[in-house]
Amino acid sequence: MVQNFEEDILKIRPVYAKVLSKLQALDLLIKIKDKIYKVDRKFYINLFFGSKKFKRWSGYTIGYFIFKEFRKQNKNLSWKELVRLSPEIFLINF
């Protein structure tokens, strides 16, 4: 969400939201979908900060595309309304 807000305000996509293409991000999301609801600190550290398996900031880029798609489908929601939504709702519609 933060990356989309930055893009909306600054009119540029943050560097940490473009380490993967949309296709790469969606492919990675499919591969890790069974892990995203589990509490695994090491997995999240690797996904967001990089490892041999994931490029640095991959998690941020995945989140960028998930939220961007949600916003396309819900253009009527303001930022104030968006920040009050439960994070799970973004994945439900993806």
PDB file of N, CA and C in Angstrom:
ATOM      1  N   MET A   1       0.826  -1.187   0.000  1.00  0.00           N
ATOM      2  CA  MET A   1       0.000   0.000   0.000  1.00  0.00           C
ATOM      3  C   MET A   1       0.872   1.253   0.000  1.00  0.00           C
ATOM      4  N   VAL A   2       1.915   1.230   0.810  1.00  0.00           N
ATOM      5  CA  VAL A   2       2.776   2.408   0.942  1.00  0.00           C
ATOM      6  C   VAL A   2       3.391   2.790  -0.403  1.00  0.00           C
ATOM      7  N   GLN A   3       3.823   1.787  -1.159  1.00  0.00           N
ATOM      8  CA  GLN A   3       4.439   2.064  -2.451  1.00  0.00           C
ATOM      9  C   GLN A   3       3.458   2.759  -3.393  1.00  0.00           C
ATOM     10  N   ASN A   4       2.211   2.333  -3.360  1.00  0.00           N
ATOM     11  CA  ASN A   4       1.185   2.941  -4.208  1.00  0.00           C
ATOM     12  C   ASN A   4       0.863   4.357  -3.758  1.00  0.00           C
ATOM     13  N   PHE A   5       0.865   4.579  -2.453  1.00  0.00           N
ATOM     14  CA  PHE A   5       0.628   5.922  -1.929  1.00  0.00           C
ATOM     15  C   PHE A   5       1.765   6.850  -2.371  1.00  0.00           C
ATOM     16  N   GLU A   6       3.000   6.372  -2.232  1.00  0.00           N
ATOM     17  CA  GLU A   6       4.147   7.175  -2.680  1.00  0.00           C
ATOM     18  C   GLU A   6       4.026   7.514  -4.161  1.00  0.00           C
ATOM     19  N   GLU A   7       3.669   6.519  -4.953  1.00  0.00           N
ATOM     20  CA  GLU A   7       3.524   6.741  -6.391  1.00  0.00           C
ATOM     21  C   GLU A   7       2.407   7.741  -6.680  1.00  0.00           C
ATOM     22  N   ASP A   8       1.330   7.640  -5.948  1.00  0.00           N
ATOM     23  CA  ASP A   8       0.193   8.536  -6.134  1.00  0.00           C
ATOM     24  C   ASP A   8       0.572   9.984  -5.816  1.00  0.00           C
ATOM     25  N   ILE A   9       1.329  10.180  -4.762  1.00  0.00           N
ATOM     26  CA  ILE A   9       1.702  11.524  -4.322  1.00  0.00           C
ATOM     27  C   ILE A   9       2.881  12.076  -5.120  1.00  0.00           C
ATOM     28  N   LEU A  10       3.938  11.269  -5.256  1.00  0.00           N
ATOM     29  CA  LEU A  10       5.169  11.741  -5.889  1.00  0.00           C
ATOM     30  C   LEU A  10       5.203  11.561  -7.406  1.00  0.00           C
ATOM     31  N   LYS A  11       4.271  10.763  -7.910  1.00  0.00           N
ATOM     32  CA  LYS A  11       4.168  10.484  -9.347  1.00  0.00           C
ATOM     33  C   LYS A  11       5.355   9.683  -9.887  1.00  0.00           C
ATOM     34  N   ILE A  12       6.048   8.985  -9.005  1.00  0.00           N
ATOM     35  CA  ILE A  12       7.095   8.051  -9.419  1.00  0.00           C
ATOM     36  C   ILE A  12       6.963   6.770  -8.601  1.00  0.00           C
ATOM     37  N   ARG A  13       7.286   5.672  -9.217  1.00  0.00           N
ATOM     38  CA  ARG A  13       7.227   4.386  -8.535  1.00  0.00           C
ATOM     39  C   ARG A  13       8.500   4.201  -7.709  1.00  0.00           C
ATOM     40  N   PRO A  14       8.366   3.913  -6.432  1.00  0.00           N
ATOM     41  CA  PRO A  14       9.545   3.744  -5.580  1.00  0.00           C
ATOM     42  C   PRO A  14      10.445   2.609  -6.066  1.00  0.00           C
ATOM     43  N   VAL A  15      11.731   2.778  -5.893  1.00  0.00           N
ATOM     44  CA  VAL A  15      12.702   1.793  -6.352  1.00  0.00           C
ATOM     45  C   VAL A  15      12.455   0.416  -5.732  1.00  0.00           C
ATOM     46  N   TYR A  16      12.007   0.376  -4.490  1.00  0.00           N
ATOM     47  CA  TYR A  16      11.787  -0.908  -3.837  1.00  0.00           C
ATOM     48  C   TYR A  16      10.473  -1.573  -4.266  1.00  0.00           C
ATOM     49  N   ALA A  17       9.795  -0.977  -5.224  1.00  0.00           N
ATOM     50  CA  ALA A  17       8.574  -1.572  -5.778  1.00  0.00           C
ATOM     51  C   ALA A  17       8.757  -1.984  -7.229  1.00  0.00           C
ATOM     52  N   LYS A  18      10.013  -2.014  -7.684  1.00  0.00           N
ATOM     53  CA  LYS A  18      10.218  -2.380  -9.082  1.00  0.00           C
ATOM     54  C   LYS A  18      11.407  -3.306  -9.301  1.00  0.00           C
ATOM     55  N   VAL A  19      11.669  -4.167  -8.342  1.00  0.00           N
ATOM     56  CA  VAL A  19      12.763  -5.130  -8.517  1.00  0.00           C
ATOM     57  C   VAL A  19      12.324  -6.337  -9.346  1.00  0.00           C
ATOM     58  N   LEU A  20      11.027  -6.519  -9.484  1.00  0.00           N
ATOM     59  CA  LEU A  20      10.470  -7.594 -10.303  1.00  0.00           C
ATOM     60  C   LEU A  20       9.461  -6.993 -11.279  1.00  0.00           C
ATOM     61  N   SER A  21       9.313  -7.634 -12.419  1.00  0.00           N
ATOM     62  CA  SER A  21       8.240  -7.245 -13.328  1.00  0.00           C
ATOM     63  C   SER A  21       6.923  -7.741 -12.734  1.00  0.00           C
ATOM     64  N   LYS A  22       5.821  -7.278 -13.294  1.00  0.00           N
ATOM     65  CA  LYS A  22       4.522  -7.740 -12.804  1.00  0.00           C
ATOM     66  C   LYS A  22       4.405  -9.254 -12.964  1.00  0.00           C
ATOM     67  N   LEU A  23       4.838  -9.769 -14.081  1.00  0.00           N
ATOM     68  CA  LEU A  23       4.768 -11.208 -14.327  1.00  0.00           C
ATOM     69  C   LEU A  23       5.636 -11.982 -13.338  1.00  0.00           C
ATOM     70  N   GLN A  24       6.842 -11.502 -13.078  1.00  0.00           N
ATOM     71  CA  GLN A  24       7.721 -12.158 -12.104  1.00  0.00           C
ATOM     72  C   GLN A  24       7.108 -12.120 -10.703  1.00  0.00           C
ATOM     73  N   ALA A  25       6.539 -10.980 -10.343  1.00  0.00           N
ATOM     74  CA  ALA A  25       5.924 -10.844  -9.016  1.00  0.00           C
ATOM     75  C   ALA A  25       4.744 -11.796  -8.859  1.00  0.00           C
ATOM     76  N   LEU A  26       3.900 -11.888  -9.871  1.00  0.00           N
ATOM     77  CA  LEU A  26       2.745 -12.787  -9.795  1.00  0.00           C
ATOM     78  C   LEU A  26       3.183 -14.242  -9.769  1.00  0.00           C
ATOM     79  N   ASP A  27       4.211 -14.571 -10.537  1.00  0.00           N
ATOM     80  CA  ASP A  27       4.748 -15.933 -10.539  1.00  0.00           C
ATOM     81  C   ASP A  27       5.295 -16.291  -9.156  1.00  0.00           C
ATOM     82  N   LEU A  28       6.026 -15.378  -8.548  1.00  0.00           N
ATOM     83  CA  LEU A  28       6.566 -15.615  -7.214  1.00  0.00           C
ATOM     84  C   LEU A  28       5.448 -15.735  -6.189  1.00  0.00           C
ATOM     85  N   LEU A  29       4.434 -14.904  -6.303  1.00  0.00           N
ATOM     86  CA  LEU A  29       3.296 -14.971  -5.387  1.00  0.00           C
ATOM     87  C   LEU A  29       2.631 -16.343  -5.451  1.00  0.00           C
ATOM     88  N   ILE A  30       2.470 -16.871  -6.638  1.00  0.00           N
ATOM     89  CA  ILE A  30       1.877 -18.213  -6.793  1.00  0.00           C
ATOM     90  C   ILE A  30       2.750 -19.256  -6.108  1.00  0.00           C
ATOM     91  N   LYS A  31       4.060 -19.121  -6.243  1.00  0.00           N
ATOM     92  CA  LYS A  31       4.985 -20.092  -5.646  1.00  0.00           C
ATOM     93  C   LYS A  31       4.988 -20.043  -4.124  1.00  0.00           C
ATOM     94  N   ILE A  32       4.753 -18.877  -3.560  1.00  0.00           N
ATOM     95  CA  ILE A  32       4.839 -18.735  -2.092  1.00  0.00           C
ATOM     96  C   ILE A  32       3.483 -18.637  -1.420  1.00  0.00           C
ATOM     97  N   LYS A  33       2.390 -18.785  -2.165  1.00  0.00           N
ATOM     98  CA  LYS A  33       1.049 -18.535  -1.617  1.00  0.00           C
ATOM     99  C   LYS A  33       0.731 -19.350  -0.369  1.00  0.00           C
ATOM    100  N   ASP A  34       1.282 -20.547  -0.255  1.00  0.00           N
ATOM    101  CA  ASP A  34       1.004 -21.364   0.927  1.00  0.00           C
ATOM    102  C   ASP A  34       1.772 -20.884   2.161  1.00  0.00           C
ATOM    103  N   LYS A  35       2.742 -20.008   1.980  1.00  0.00           N
ATOM    104  CA  LYS A  35       3.552 -19.522   3.100  1.00  0.00           C
ATOM    105  C   LYS A  35       3.126 -18.145   3.608  1.00  0.00           C
ATOM    106  N   ILE A  36       2.337 -17.420   2.841  1.00  0.00           N
ATOM    107  CA  ILE A  36       2.088 -16.026   3.214  1.00  0.00           C
ATOM    108  C   ILE A  36       1.181 -15.845   4.428  1.00  0.00           C
ATOM    109  N   TYR A  37       0.452 -16.861   4.784  1.00  0.00           N
ATOM    110  CA  TYR A  37      -0.407 -16.743   5.974  1.00  0.00           C
ATOM    111  C   TYR A  37       0.238 -17.356   7.219  1.00  0.00           C
ATOM    112  N   LYS A  38       1.431 -17.909   7.059  1.00  0.00           N
ATOM    113  CA  LYS A  38       2.135 -18.512   8.192  1.00  0.00           C
ATOM    114  C   LYS A  38       3.062 -17.487   8.825  1.00  0.00           C
ATOM    115  N   VAL A  39       3.275 -17.646  10.106  1.00  0.00           N
ATOM    116  CA  VAL A  39       4.200 -16.770  10.815  1.00  0.00           C
ATOM    117  C   VAL A  39       5.576 -17.430  10.746  1.00  0.00           C
ATOM    118  N   ASP A  40       6.408 -16.928   9.844  1.00  0.00           N
ATOM    119  CA  ASP A  40       7.751 -17.452   9.647  1.00  0.00           C
ATOM    120  C   ASP A  40       8.672 -16.261   9.424  1.00  0.00           C
ATOM    121  N   ARG A  41       9.248 -15.811  10.501  1.00  0.00           N
ATOM    122  CA  ARG A  41      10.048 -14.590  10.470  1.00  0.00           C
ATOM    123  C   ARG A  41      11.186 -14.667   9.452  1.00  0.00           C
ATOM    124  N   LYS A  42      11.873 -15.796   9.410  1.00  0.00           N
ATOM    125  CA  LYS A  42      12.995 -15.951   8.482  1.00  0.00           C
ATOM    126  C   LYS A  42      12.520 -15.835   7.027  1.00  0.00           C
ATOM    127  N   PHE A  43      11.392 -16.447   6.716  1.00  0.00           N
ATOM    128  CA  PHE A  43      10.835 -16.364   5.366  1.00  0.00           C
ATOM    129  C   PHE A  43      10.570 -14.904   4.985  1.00  0.00           C
ATOM    130  N   TYR A  44       9.932 -14.166   5.872  1.00  0.00           N
ATOM    131  CA  TYR A  44       9.609 -12.767   5.570  1.00  0.00           C
ATOM    132  C   TYR A  44      10.852 -11.888   5.475  1.00  0.00           C
ATOM    133  N   ILE A  45      11.827 -12.140   6.314  1.00  0.00           N
ATOM    134  CA  ILE A  45      13.083 -11.378   6.228  1.00  0.00           C
ATOM    135  C   ILE A  45      13.735 -11.627   4.873  1.00  0.00           C
ATOM    136  N   ASN A  46      13.774 -12.882   4.445  1.00  0.00           N
ATOM    137  CA  ASN A  46      14.363 -13.211   3.144  1.00  0.00           C
ATOM    138  C   ASN A  46      13.558 -12.604   1.998  1.00  0.00           C
ATOM    139  N   LEU A  47      12.241 -12.663   2.082  1.00  0.00           N
ATOM    140  CA  LEU A  47      11.377 -12.150   1.017  1.00  0.00           C
ATOM    141  C   LEU A  47      11.498 -10.633   0.861  1.00  0.00           C
ATOM    142  N   PHE A  48      11.574  -9.928   1.965  1.00  0.00           N
ATOM    143  CA  PHE A  48      11.606  -8.471   1.902  1.00  0.00           C
ATOM    144  C   PHE A  48      13.020  -7.886   1.827  1.00  0.00           C
ATOM    145  N   PHE A  49      13.997  -8.574   2.409  1.00  0.00           N
ATOM    146  CA  PHE A  49      15.344  -8.014   2.455  1.00  0.00           C
ATOM    147  C   PHE A  49      16.362  -8.769   1.619  1.00  0.00           C
ATOM    148  N   GLY A  50      15.927  -9.856   0.982  1.00  0.00           N
ATOM    149  CA  GLY A  50      16.782 -10.571   0.053  1.00  0.00           C
ATOM    150  C   GLY A  50      17.481 -11.783   0.647  1.00  0.00           C
ATOM    151  N   SER A  51      17.765 -12.709  -0.232  1.00  0.00           N
ATOM    152  CA  SER A  51      18.461 -13.947   0.129  1.00  0.00           C
ATOM    153  C   SER A  51      18.915 -14.605  -1.168  1.00  0.00           C
ATOM    154  N   LYS A  52      19.434 -15.802  -1.073  1.00  0.00           N
ATOM    155  CA  LYS A  52      19.806 -16.535  -2.285  1.00  0.00           C
ATOM    156  C   LYS A  52      18.564 -16.867  -3.108  1.00  0.00           C
ATOM    157  N   LYS A  53      17.439 -17.013  -2.434  1.00  0.00           N
ATOM    158  CA  LYS A  53      16.193 -17.411  -3.083  1.00  0.00           C
ATOM    159  C   LYS A  53      15.393 -16.218  -3.634  1.00  0.00           C
ATOM    160  N   PHE A  54      15.458 -15.067  -2.959  1.00  0.00           N
ATOM    161  CA  PHE A  54      14.655 -13.902  -3.332  1.00  0.00           C
ATOM    162  C   PHE A  54      15.525 -12.671  -3.545  1.00  0.00           C
ATOM    163  N   LYS A  55      15.167 -11.876  -4.558  1.00  0.00           N
ATOM    164  CA  LYS A  55      15.823 -10.592  -4.751  1.00  0.00           C
ATOM    165  C   LYS A  55      15.422  -9.667  -3.605  1.00  0.00           C
ATOM    166  N   ARG A  56      16.333  -8.770  -3.255  1.00  0.00           N
ATOM    167  CA  ARG A  56      16.019  -7.784  -2.214  1.00  0.00           C
ATOM    168  C   ARG A  56      14.793  -6.996  -2.627  1.00  0.00           C
ATOM    169  N   TRP A  57      13.875  -6.826  -1.711  1.00  0.00           N
ATOM    170  CA  TRP A  57      12.632  -6.057  -1.858  1.00  0.00           C
ATOM    171  C   TRP A  57      11.550  -6.769  -2.673  1.00  0.00           C
ATOM    172  N   SER A  58      11.714  -8.062  -2.933  1.00  0.00           N
ATOM    173  CA  SER A  58      10.690  -8.813  -3.687  1.00  0.00           C
ATOM    174  C   SER A  58       9.317  -8.713  -3.035  1.00  0.00           C
ATOM    175  N   GLY A  59       9.271  -8.810  -1.721  1.00  0.00           N
ATOM    176  CA  GLY A  59       7.996  -8.727  -1.012  1.00  0.00           C
ATOM    177  C   GLY A  59       7.302  -7.392  -1.226  1.00  0.00           C
ATOM    178  N   TYR A  60       8.077  -6.323  -1.247  1.00  0.00           N
ATOM    179  CA  TYR A  60       7.501  -4.999  -1.477  1.00  0.00           C
ATOM    180  C   TYR A  60       6.925  -4.894  -2.890  1.00  0.00           C
ATOM    181  N   THR A  61       7.633  -5.466  -3.856  1.00  0.00           N
ATOM    182  CA  THR A  61       7.152  -5.411  -5.236  1.00  0.00           C
ATOM    183  C   THR A  61       5.885  -6.234  -5.411  1.00  0.00           C
ATOM    184  N   ILE A  62       5.829  -7.394  -4.783  1.00  0.00           N
ATOM    185  CA  ILE A  62       4.608  -8.212  -4.832  1.00  0.00           C
ATOM    186  C   ILE A  62       3.442  -7.428  -4.238  1.00  0.00           C
ATOM    187  N   GLY A  63       3.662  -6.838  -3.087  1.00  0.00           N
ATOM    188  CA  GLY A  63       2.623  -6.040  -2.440  1.00  0.00           C
ATOM    189  C   GLY A  63       2.174  -4.865  -3.287  1.00  0.00           C
ATOM    190  N   TYR A  64       3.114  -4.250  -3.970  1.00  0.00           N
ATOM    191  CA  TYR A  64       2.802  -3.134  -4.860  1.00  0.00           C
ATOM    192  C   TYR A  64       1.780  -3.562  -5.915  1.00  0.00           C
ATOM    193  N   PHE A  65       2.032  -4.690  -6.568  1.00  0.00           N
ATOM    194  CA  PHE A  65       1.135  -5.137  -7.633  1.00  0.00           C
ATOM    195  C   PHE A  65      -0.204  -5.638  -7.095  1.00  0.00           C
ATOM    196  N   ILE A  66      -0.199  -6.285  -5.948  1.00  0.00           N
ATOM    197  CA  ILE A  66      -1.465  -6.734  -5.345  1.00  0.00           C
ATOM    198  C   ILE A  66      -2.351  -5.532  -5.050  1.00  0.00           C
ATOM    199  N   PHE A  67      -1.771  -4.542  -4.406  1.00  0.00           N
ATOM    200  CA  PHE A  67      -2.558  -3.365  -4.035  1.00  0.00           C
ATOM    201  C   PHE A  67      -2.958  -2.538  -5.257  1.00  0.00           C
ATOM    202  N   LYS A  68      -2.077  -2.443  -6.239  1.00  0.00           N
ATOM    203  CA  LYS A  68      -2.389  -1.694  -7.456  1.00  0.00           C
ATOM    204  C   LYS A  68      -3.610  -2.303  -8.148  1.00  0.00           C
ATOM    205  N   GLU A  69      -3.658  -3.614  -8.210  1.00  0.00           N
ATOM    206  CA  GLU A  69      -4.800  -4.294  -8.824  1.00  0.00           C
ATOM    207  C   GLU A  69      -6.068  -4.053  -8.008  1.00  0.00           C
ATOM    208  N   PHE A  70      -5.950  -4.098  -6.685  1.00  0.00           N
ATOM    209  CA  PHE A  70      -7.096  -3.836  -5.810  1.00  0.00           C
ATOM    210  C   PHE A  70      -7.644  -2.428  -6.062  1.00  0.00           C
ATOM    211  N   ARG A  71      -6.745  -1.470  -6.185  1.00  0.00           N
ATOM    212  CA  ARG A  71      -7.180  -0.082  -6.438  1.00  0.00           C
ATOM    213  C   ARG A  71      -7.881   0.066  -7.780  1.00  0.00           C
ATOM    214  N   LYS A  72      -7.412  -0.655  -8.784  1.00  0.00           N
ATOM    215  CA  LYS A  72      -8.073  -0.622 -10.094  1.00  0.00           C
ATOM    216  C   LYS A  72      -9.509  -1.093  -9.989  1.00  0.00           C
ATOM    217  N   GLN A  73      -9.722  -2.102  -9.165  1.00  0.00           N
ATOM    218  CA  GLN A  73     -11.050  -2.690  -9.011  1.00  0.00           C
ATOM    219  C   GLN A  73     -11.925  -1.910  -8.027  1.00  0.00           C
ATOM    220  N   ASN A  74     -11.326  -1.010  -7.263  1.00  0.00           N
ATOM    221  CA  ASN A  74     -12.055  -0.258  -6.233  1.00  0.00           C
ATOM    222  C   ASN A  74     -11.702   1.227  -6.303  1.00  0.00           C
ATOM    223  N   LYS A  75     -11.888   1.820  -7.446  1.00  0.00           N
ATOM    224  CA  LYS A  75     -11.512   3.217  -7.679  1.00  0.00           C
ATOM    225  C   LYS A  75     -12.274   4.197  -6.802  1.00  0.00           C
ATOM    226  N   ASN A  76     -13.406   3.778  -6.309  1.00  0.00           N
ATOM    227  CA  ASN A  76     -14.246   4.671  -5.505  1.00  0.00           C
ATOM    228  C   ASN A  76     -13.766   4.824  -4.062  1.00  0.00           C
ATOM    229  N   LEU A  77     -12.827   3.984  -3.624  1.00  0.00           N
ATOM    230  CA  LEU A  77     -12.350   4.055  -2.241  1.00  0.00           C
ATOM    231  C   LEU A  77     -11.260   5.118  -2.095  1.00  0.00           C
ATOM    232  N   SER A  78     -11.379   5.929  -1.081  1.00  0.00           N
ATOM    233  CA  SER A  78     -10.372   6.955  -0.803  1.00  0.00           C
ATOM    234  C   SER A  78      -9.211   6.318  -0.036  1.00  0.00           C
ATOM    235  N   TRP A  79      -8.100   7.046   0.059  1.00  0.00           N
ATOM    236  CA  TRP A  79      -6.976   6.549   0.843  1.00  0.00           C
ATOM    237  C   TRP A  79      -7.385   6.344   2.300  1.00  0.00           C
ATOM    238  N   LYS A  80      -8.207   7.229   2.806  1.00  0.00           N
ATOM    239  CA  LYS A  80      -8.672   7.102   4.188  1.00  0.00           C
ATOM    240  C   LYS A  80      -9.418   5.785   4.387  1.00  0.00           C
ATOM    241  N   GLU A  81     -10.244   5.412   3.426  1.00  0.00           N
ATOM    242  CA  GLU A  81     -10.985   4.148   3.508  1.00  0.00           C
ATOM    243  C   GLU A  81     -10.046   2.953   3.289  1.00  0.00           C
ATOM    244  N   LEU A  82      -9.111   3.098   2.386  1.00  0.00           N
ATOM    245  CA  LEU A  82      -8.188   2.001   2.074  1.00  0.00           C
ATOM    246  C   LEU A  82      -7.328   1.602   3.267  1.00  0.00           C
ATOM    247  N   VAL A  83      -6.818   2.577   3.990  1.00  0.00           N
ATOM    248  CA  VAL A  83      -5.926   2.250   5.113  1.00  0.00           C
ATOM    249  C   VAL A  83      -6.673   1.594   6.273  1.00  0.00           C
ATOM    250  N   ARG A  84      -7.970   1.688   6.278  1.00  0.00           N
ATOM    251  CA  ARG A  84      -8.766   1.071   7.341  1.00  0.00           C
ATOM    252  C   ARG A  84      -9.153  -0.378   7.032  1.00  0.00           C
ATOM    253  N   LEU A  85      -8.877  -0.832   5.826  1.00  0.00           N
ATOM    254  CA  LEU A  85      -9.239  -2.195   5.434  1.00  0.00           C
ATOM    255  C   LEU A  85      -8.268  -3.212   6.013  1.00  0.00           C
ATOM    256  N   SER A  86      -8.772  -4.399   6.268  1.00  0.00           N
ATOM    257  CA  SER A  86      -7.935  -5.500   6.718  1.00  0.00           C
ATOM    258  C   SER A  86      -7.028  -5.936   5.571  1.00  0.00           C
ATOM    259  N   PRO A  87      -5.753  -6.187   5.821  1.00  0.00           N
ATOM    260  CA  PRO A  87      -4.830  -6.581   4.746  1.00  0.00           C
ATOM    261  C   PRO A  87      -5.273  -7.815   3.962  1.00  0.00           C
ATOM    262  N   GLU A  88      -5.974  -8.715   4.598  1.00  0.00           N
ATOM    263  CA  GLU A  88      -6.413  -9.940   3.929  1.00  0.00           C
ATOM    264  C   GLU A  88      -7.332  -9.660   2.742  1.00  0.00           C
ATOM    265  N   ILE A  89      -8.061  -8.566   2.788  1.00  0.00           N
ATOM    266  CA  ILE A  89      -9.016  -8.268   1.719  1.00  0.00           C
ATOM    267  C   ILE A  89      -8.330  -8.039   0.378  1.00  0.00           C
ATOM    268  N   PHE A  90      -7.088  -7.586   0.390  1.00  0.00           N
ATOM    269  CA  PHE A  90      -6.382  -7.330  -0.854  1.00  0.00           C
ATOM    270  C   PHE A  90      -6.074  -8.627  -1.587  1.00  0.00           C
ATOM    271  N   LEU A  91      -5.776  -9.673  -0.864  1.00  0.00           N
ATOM    272  CA  LEU A  91      -5.493 -10.969  -1.481  1.00  0.00           C
ATOM    273  C   LEU A  91      -6.744 -11.711  -1.914  1.00  0.00           C
ATOM    274  N   ILE A  92      -7.832 -11.487  -1.236  1.00  0.00           N
ATOM    275  CA  ILE A  92      -9.096 -12.167  -1.578  1.00  0.00           C
ATOM    276  C   ILE A  92      -9.473 -11.868  -3.019  1.00  0.00           C
ATOM    277  N   ASN A  93      -9.314 -10.653  -3.425  1.00  0.00           N
ATOM    278  CA  ASN A  93      -9.722 -10.223  -4.764  1.00  0.00           C
ATOM    279  C   ASN A  93      -8.647 -10.415  -5.816  1.00  0.00           C
ATOM    280  N   PHE A  94      -7.503 -10.937  -5.428  1.00  0.00           N
ATOM    281  CA  PHE A  94      -6.391 -11.031  -6.372  1.00  0.00           C
ATOM    282  C   PHE A  94      -6.377 -12.367  -7.059  1.00  0.00           C
TER     283      PHE A  94
END
